[in-house]
């Protein structure tokens, strides 16, 4: 079997499974319990230093 066939077989089977696990892990990362403070800080960062009065 050639190198191309070997890499294609890996990508079609194990590579797809690895990419799916990585995607699910990255998609779930912001929703973990310890991330609430960092997510709130990131969401409100754009308002830091702005005055409410115009």
PDB file of N, CA and C in Angstrom:
ATOM      1  N   UNK A   1       0.839  -1.171   0.000  1.00  0.00           N
ATOM      2  CA  UNK A   1       0.000   0.000   0.000  1.00  0.00           C
ATOM      3  C   UNK A   1       0.893   1.246   0.000  1.00  0.00           C
ATOM      4  N   UNK A   2       0.496   2.244  -0.757  1.00  0.00           N
ATOM      5  CA  UNK A   2       1.308   3.460  -0.856  1.00  0.00           C
ATOM      6  C   UNK A   2       1.069   4.379   0.344  1.00  0.00           C
ATOM      7  N   UNK A   3       1.914   5.371   0.458  1.00  0.00           N
ATOM      8  CA  UNK A   3       1.784   6.335   1.553  1.00  0.00           C
ATOM      9  C   UNK A   3       0.460   7.078   1.453  1.00  0.00           C
ATOM     10  N   UNK A   4       0.061   7.416   0.248  1.00  0.00           N
ATOM     11  CA  UNK A   4      -1.208   8.111   0.053  1.00  0.00           C
ATOM     12  C   UNK A   4      -2.366   7.264   0.554  1.00  0.00           C
ATOM     13  N   UNK A   5      -2.384   5.998   0.197  1.00  0.00           N
ATOM     14  CA  UNK A   5      -3.469   5.113   0.629  1.00  0.00           C
ATOM     15  C   UNK A   5      -3.479   4.952   2.148  1.00  0.00           C
ATOM     16  N   UNK A   6      -2.320   4.864   2.741  1.00  0.00           N
ATOM     17  CA  UNK A   6      -2.229   4.737   4.195  1.00  0.00           C
ATOM     18  C   UNK A   6      -2.766   5.976   4.887  1.00  0.00           C
ATOM     19  N   UNK A   7      -2.348   7.153   4.436  1.00  0.00           N
ATOM     20  CA  UNK A   7      -2.825   8.398   5.035  1.00  0.00           C
ATOM     21  C   UNK A   7      -4.312   8.605   4.801  1.00  0.00           C
ATOM     22  N   UNK A   8      -4.784   8.217   3.638  1.00  0.00           N
ATOM     23  CA  UNK A   8      -6.216   8.354   3.352  1.00  0.00           C
ATOM     24  C   UNK A   8      -7.038   7.423   4.236  1.00  0.00           C
ATOM     25  N   UNK A   9      -6.567   6.217   4.441  1.00  0.00           N
ATOM     26  CA  UNK A   9      -7.263   5.273   5.321  1.00  0.00           C
ATOM     27  C   UNK A   9      -7.303   5.819   6.751  1.00  0.00           C
ATOM     28  N   UNK A  10      -6.180   6.377   7.214  1.00  0.00           N
ATOM     29  CA  UNK A  10      -6.141   6.969   8.561  1.00  0.00           C
ATOM     30  C   UNK A  10      -7.119   8.135   8.671  1.00  0.00           C
ATOM     31  N   UNK A  11      -7.133   9.010   7.670  1.00  0.00           N
ATOM     32  CA  UNK A  11      -8.016  10.176   7.708  1.00  0.00           C
ATOM     33  C   UNK A  11      -9.483   9.755   7.645  1.00  0.00           C
ATOM     34  N   UNK A  12      -9.786   8.705   6.906  1.00  0.00           N
ATOM     35  CA  UNK A  12     -11.167   8.256   6.782  1.00  0.00           C
ATOM     36  C   UNK A  12     -11.674   7.559   8.033  1.00  0.00           C
ATOM     37  N   UNK A  13     -10.794   7.031   8.852  1.00  0.00           N
ATOM     38  CA  UNK A  13     -11.257   6.286  10.012  1.00  0.00           C
ATOM     39  C   UNK A  13     -10.873   6.975  11.310  1.00  0.00           C
ATOM     40  N   UNK A  14      -9.640   6.839  11.716  1.00  0.00           N
ATOM     41  CA  UNK A  14      -9.205   7.361  13.008  1.00  0.00           C
ATOM     42  C   UNK A  14      -9.104   8.883  13.012  1.00  0.00           C
ATOM     43  N   UNK A  15      -8.689   9.459  11.919  1.00  0.00           N
ATOM     44  CA  UNK A  15      -8.560  10.915  11.851  1.00  0.00           C
ATOM     45  C   UNK A  15      -9.890  11.610  12.058  1.00  0.00           C
ATOM     46  N   UNK A  16     -10.950  11.059  11.479  1.00  0.00           N
ATOM     47  CA  UNK A  16     -12.285  11.627  11.653  1.00  0.00           C
ATOM     48  C   UNK A  16     -12.722  11.537  13.105  1.00  0.00           C
ATOM     49  N   UNK A  17     -12.454  10.427  13.752  1.00  0.00           N
ATOM     50  CA  UNK A  17     -12.817  10.257  15.155  1.00  0.00           C
ATOM     51  C   UNK A  17     -12.042  11.230  16.039  1.00  0.00           C
ATOM     52  N   UNK A  18     -10.760  11.412  15.761  1.00  0.00           N
ATOM     53  CA  UNK A  18      -9.943  12.340  16.547  1.00  0.00           C
ATOM     54  C   UNK A  18     -10.434  13.772  16.351  1.00  0.00           C
ATOM     55  N   UNK A  19     -10.722  14.149  15.126  1.00  0.00           N
ATOM     56  CA  UNK A  19     -11.220  15.497  14.868  1.00  0.00           C
ATOM     57  C   UNK A  19     -12.561  15.734  15.548  1.00  0.00           C
ATOM     58  N   UNK A  20     -13.424  14.727  15.606  1.00  0.00           N
ATOM     59  CA  UNK A  20     -14.723  14.867  16.261  1.00  0.00           C
ATOM     60  C   UNK A  20     -14.544  15.046  17.772  1.00  0.00           C
ATOM     61  N   UNK A  21     -13.651  14.287  18.368  1.00  0.00           N
ATOM     62  CA  UNK A  21     -13.401  14.415  19.810  1.00  0.00           C
ATOM     63  C   UNK A  21     -12.823  15.793  20.120  1.00  0.00           C
ATOM     64  N   UNK A  22     -11.883  16.270  19.307  1.00  0.00           N
ATOM     65  CA  UNK A  22     -11.292  17.593  19.519  1.00  0.00           C
ATOM     66  C   UNK A  22     -12.356  18.670  19.366  1.00  0.00           C
ATOM     67  N   UNK A  23     -13.200  18.556  18.364  1.00  0.00           N
ATOM     68  CA  UNK A  23     -14.259  19.540  18.154  1.00  0.00           C
ATOM     69  C   UNK A  23     -15.221  19.568  19.334  1.00  0.00           C
ATOM     70  N   UNK A  24     -15.656  18.418  19.794  1.00  0.00           N
ATOM     71  CA  UNK A  24     -16.585  18.380  20.920  1.00  0.00           C
ATOM     72  C   UNK A  24     -15.948  18.926  22.193  1.00  0.00           C
ATOM     73  N   UNK A  25     -14.678  18.631  22.406  1.00  0.00           N
ATOM     74  CA  UNK A  25     -13.976  19.170  23.565  1.00  0.00           C
ATOM     75  C   UNK A  25     -13.858  20.683  23.512  1.00  0.00           C
ATOM     76  N   UNK A  26     -13.535  21.220  22.340  1.00  0.00           N
ATOM     77  CA  UNK A  26     -13.411  22.668  22.210  1.00  0.00           C
ATOM     78  C   UNK A  26     -14.765  23.360  22.294  1.00  0.00           C
ATOM     79  N   UNK A  27     -15.808  22.721  21.795  1.00  0.00           N
ATOM     80  CA  UNK A  27     -17.144  23.311  21.869  1.00  0.00           C
ATOM     81  C   UNK A  27     -17.674  23.300  23.298  1.00  0.00           C
ATOM     82  N   UNK A  28     -17.291  22.316  24.099  1.00  0.00           N
ATOM     83  CA  UNK A  28     -17.764  22.216  25.476  1.00  0.00           C
ATOM     84  C   UNK A  28     -16.910  23.017  26.451  1.00  0.00           C
ATOM     85  N   UNK A  29     -15.697  23.399  26.056  1.00  0.00           N
ATOM     86  CA  UNK A  29     -14.757  24.074  26.955  1.00  0.00           C
ATOM     87  C   UNK A  29     -15.335  25.338  27.606  1.00  0.00           C
ATOM     88  N   UNK A  30     -16.010  26.231  26.898  1.00  0.00           N
ATOM     89  CA  UNK A  30     -16.525  27.446  27.552  1.00  0.00           C
ATOM     90  C   UNK A  30     -17.663  27.173  28.536  1.00  0.00           C
ATOM     91  N   UNK A  31     -18.273  26.024  28.477  1.00  0.00           N
ATOM     92  CA  UNK A  31     -19.420  25.727  29.323  1.00  0.00           C
ATOM     93  C   UNK A  31     -19.063  24.974  30.596  1.00  0.00           C
ATOM     94  N   UNK A  32     -17.780  24.780  30.857  1.00  0.00           N
ATOM     95  CA  UNK A  32     -17.391  24.091  32.078  1.00  0.00           C
ATOM     96  C   UNK A  32     -17.658  25.007  33.269  1.00  0.00           C
ATOM     97  N   UNK A  33     -17.886  24.437  34.457  1.00  0.00           N
ATOM     98  CA  UNK A  33     -18.267  25.257  35.606  1.00  0.00           C
ATOM     99  C   UNK A  33     -17.241  26.324  36.000  1.00  0.00           C
ATOM    100  N   UNK A  34     -15.968  26.071  35.873  1.00  0.00           N
ATOM    101  CA  UNK A  34     -14.954  27.022  36.302  1.00  0.00           C
ATOM    102  C   UNK A  34     -14.723  28.174  35.343  1.00  0.00           C
ATOM    103  N   UNK A  35     -15.396  28.202  34.217  1.00  0.00           N
ATOM    104  CA  UNK A  35     -15.138  29.223  33.208  1.00  0.00           C
ATOM    105  C   UNK A  35     -16.071  30.424  33.313  1.00  0.00           C
ATOM    106  N   UNK A  36     -16.993  30.414  34.229  1.00  0.00           N
ATOM    107  CA  UNK A  36     -17.994  31.478  34.301  1.00  0.00           C
ATOM    108  C   UNK A  36     -17.348  32.851  34.507  1.00  0.00           C
ATOM    109  N   UNK A  37     -16.419  32.965  35.440  1.00  0.00           N
ATOM    110  CA  UNK A  37     -15.790  34.264  35.716  1.00  0.00           C
ATOM    111  C   UNK A  37     -15.007  34.782  34.518  1.00  0.00           C
ATOM    112  N   UNK A  38     -14.267  33.905  33.872  1.00  0.00           N
ATOM    113  CA  UNK A  38     -13.481  34.338  32.706  1.00  0.00           C
ATOM    114  C   UNK A  38     -14.388  34.718  31.541  1.00  0.00           C
ATOM    115  N   UNK A  39     -15.488  33.994  31.358  1.00  0.00           N
ATOM    116  CA  UNK A  39     -16.419  34.325  30.281  1.00  0.00           C
ATOM    117  C   UNK A  39     -17.096  35.667  30.539  1.00  0.00           C
ATOM    118  N   UNK A  40     -17.485  35.926  31.784  1.00  0.00           N
ATOM    119  CA  UNK A  40     -18.087  37.210  32.127  1.00  0.00           C
ATOM    120  C   UNK A  40     -17.100  38.357  31.921  1.00  0.00           C
ATOM    121  N   UNK A  41     -15.860  38.149  32.328  1.00  0.00           N
ATOM    122  CA  UNK A  41     -14.838  39.186  32.149  1.00  0.00           C
ATOM    123  C   UNK A  41     -14.603  39.459  30.662  1.00  0.00           C
ATOM    124  N   UNK A  42     -14.557  38.428  29.854  1.00  0.00           N
ATOM    125  CA  UNK A  42     -14.341  38.609  28.417  1.00  0.00           C
ATOM    126  C   UNK A  42     -15.530  39.300  27.761  1.00  0.00           C
ATOM    127  N   UNK A  43     -16.741  38.974  28.210  1.00  0.00           N
ATOM    128  CA  UNK A  43     -17.935  39.574  27.625  1.00  0.00           C
ATOM    129  C   UNK A  43     -18.046  41.058  27.957  1.00  0.00           C
ATOM    130  N   UNK A  44     -17.580  41.467  29.124  1.00  0.00           N
ATOM    131  CA  UNK A  44     -17.700  42.861  29.550  1.00  0.00           C
ATOM    132  C   UNK A  44     -16.439  43.685  29.306  1.00  0.00           C
ATOM    133  N   UNK A  45     -15.410  43.072  28.724  1.00  0.00           N
ATOM    134  CA  UNK A  45     -14.144  43.760  28.501  1.00  0.00           C
ATOM    135  C   UNK A  45     -14.296  44.954  27.564  1.00  0.00           C
ATOM    136  N   UNK A  46     -15.185  44.874  26.592  1.00  0.00           N
ATOM    137  CA  UNK A  46     -15.324  45.972  25.623  1.00  0.00           C
ATOM    138  C   UNK A  46     -15.921  47.225  26.256  1.00  0.00           C
ATOM    139  N   UNK A  47     -16.560  47.079  27.415  1.00  0.00           N
ATOM    140  CA  UNK A  47     -17.176  48.222  28.080  1.00  0.00           C
ATOM    141  C   UNK A  47     -16.256  48.867  29.109  1.00  0.00           C
ATOM    142  N   UNK A  48     -15.104  48.300  29.357  1.00  0.00           N
ATOM    143  CA  UNK A  48     -14.195  48.818  30.374  1.00  0.00           C
ATOM    144  C   UNK A  48     -13.631  50.166  29.934  1.00  0.00           C
ATOM    145  N   UNK A  49     -13.711  51.132  30.838  1.00  0.00           N
ATOM    146  CA  UNK A  49     -13.172  52.458  30.544  1.00  0.00           C
ATOM    147  C   UNK A  49     -14.124  53.383  29.843  1.00  0.00           C
ATOM    148  N   UNK A  50     -15.353  52.968  29.572  1.00  0.00           N
ATOM    149  CA  UNK A  50     -16.326  53.843  28.929  1.00  0.00           C
ATOM    150  C   UNK A  50     -17.168  54.519  29.997  1.00  0.00           C
ATOM    151  N   UNK A  51     -17.491  55.793  29.741  1.00  0.00           N
ATOM    152  CA  UNK A  51     -18.371  56.518  30.653  1.00  0.00           C
ATOM    153  C   UNK A  51     -19.803  56.326  30.205  1.00  0.00           C
ATOM    154  N   UNK A  52     -20.713  56.257  31.169  1.00  0.00           N
ATOM    155  CA  UNK A  52     -22.123  56.117  30.832  1.00  0.00           C
ATOM    156  C   UNK A  52     -22.740  57.442  30.387  1.00  0.00           C
ATOM    157  N   UNK A  53     -22.253  58.543  30.902  1.00  0.00           N
ATOM    158  CA  UNK A  53     -22.782  59.849  30.513  1.00  0.00           C
ATOM    159  C   UNK A  53     -22.189  60.326  29.206  1.00  0.00           C
ATOM    160  N   UNK A  54     -22.992  61.066  28.463  1.00  0.00           N
ATOM    161  CA  UNK A  54     -22.496  61.551  27.178  1.00  0.00           C
ATOM    162  C   UNK A  54     -22.377  63.047  27.182  1.00  0.00           C
TER     163      UNK A  54
END
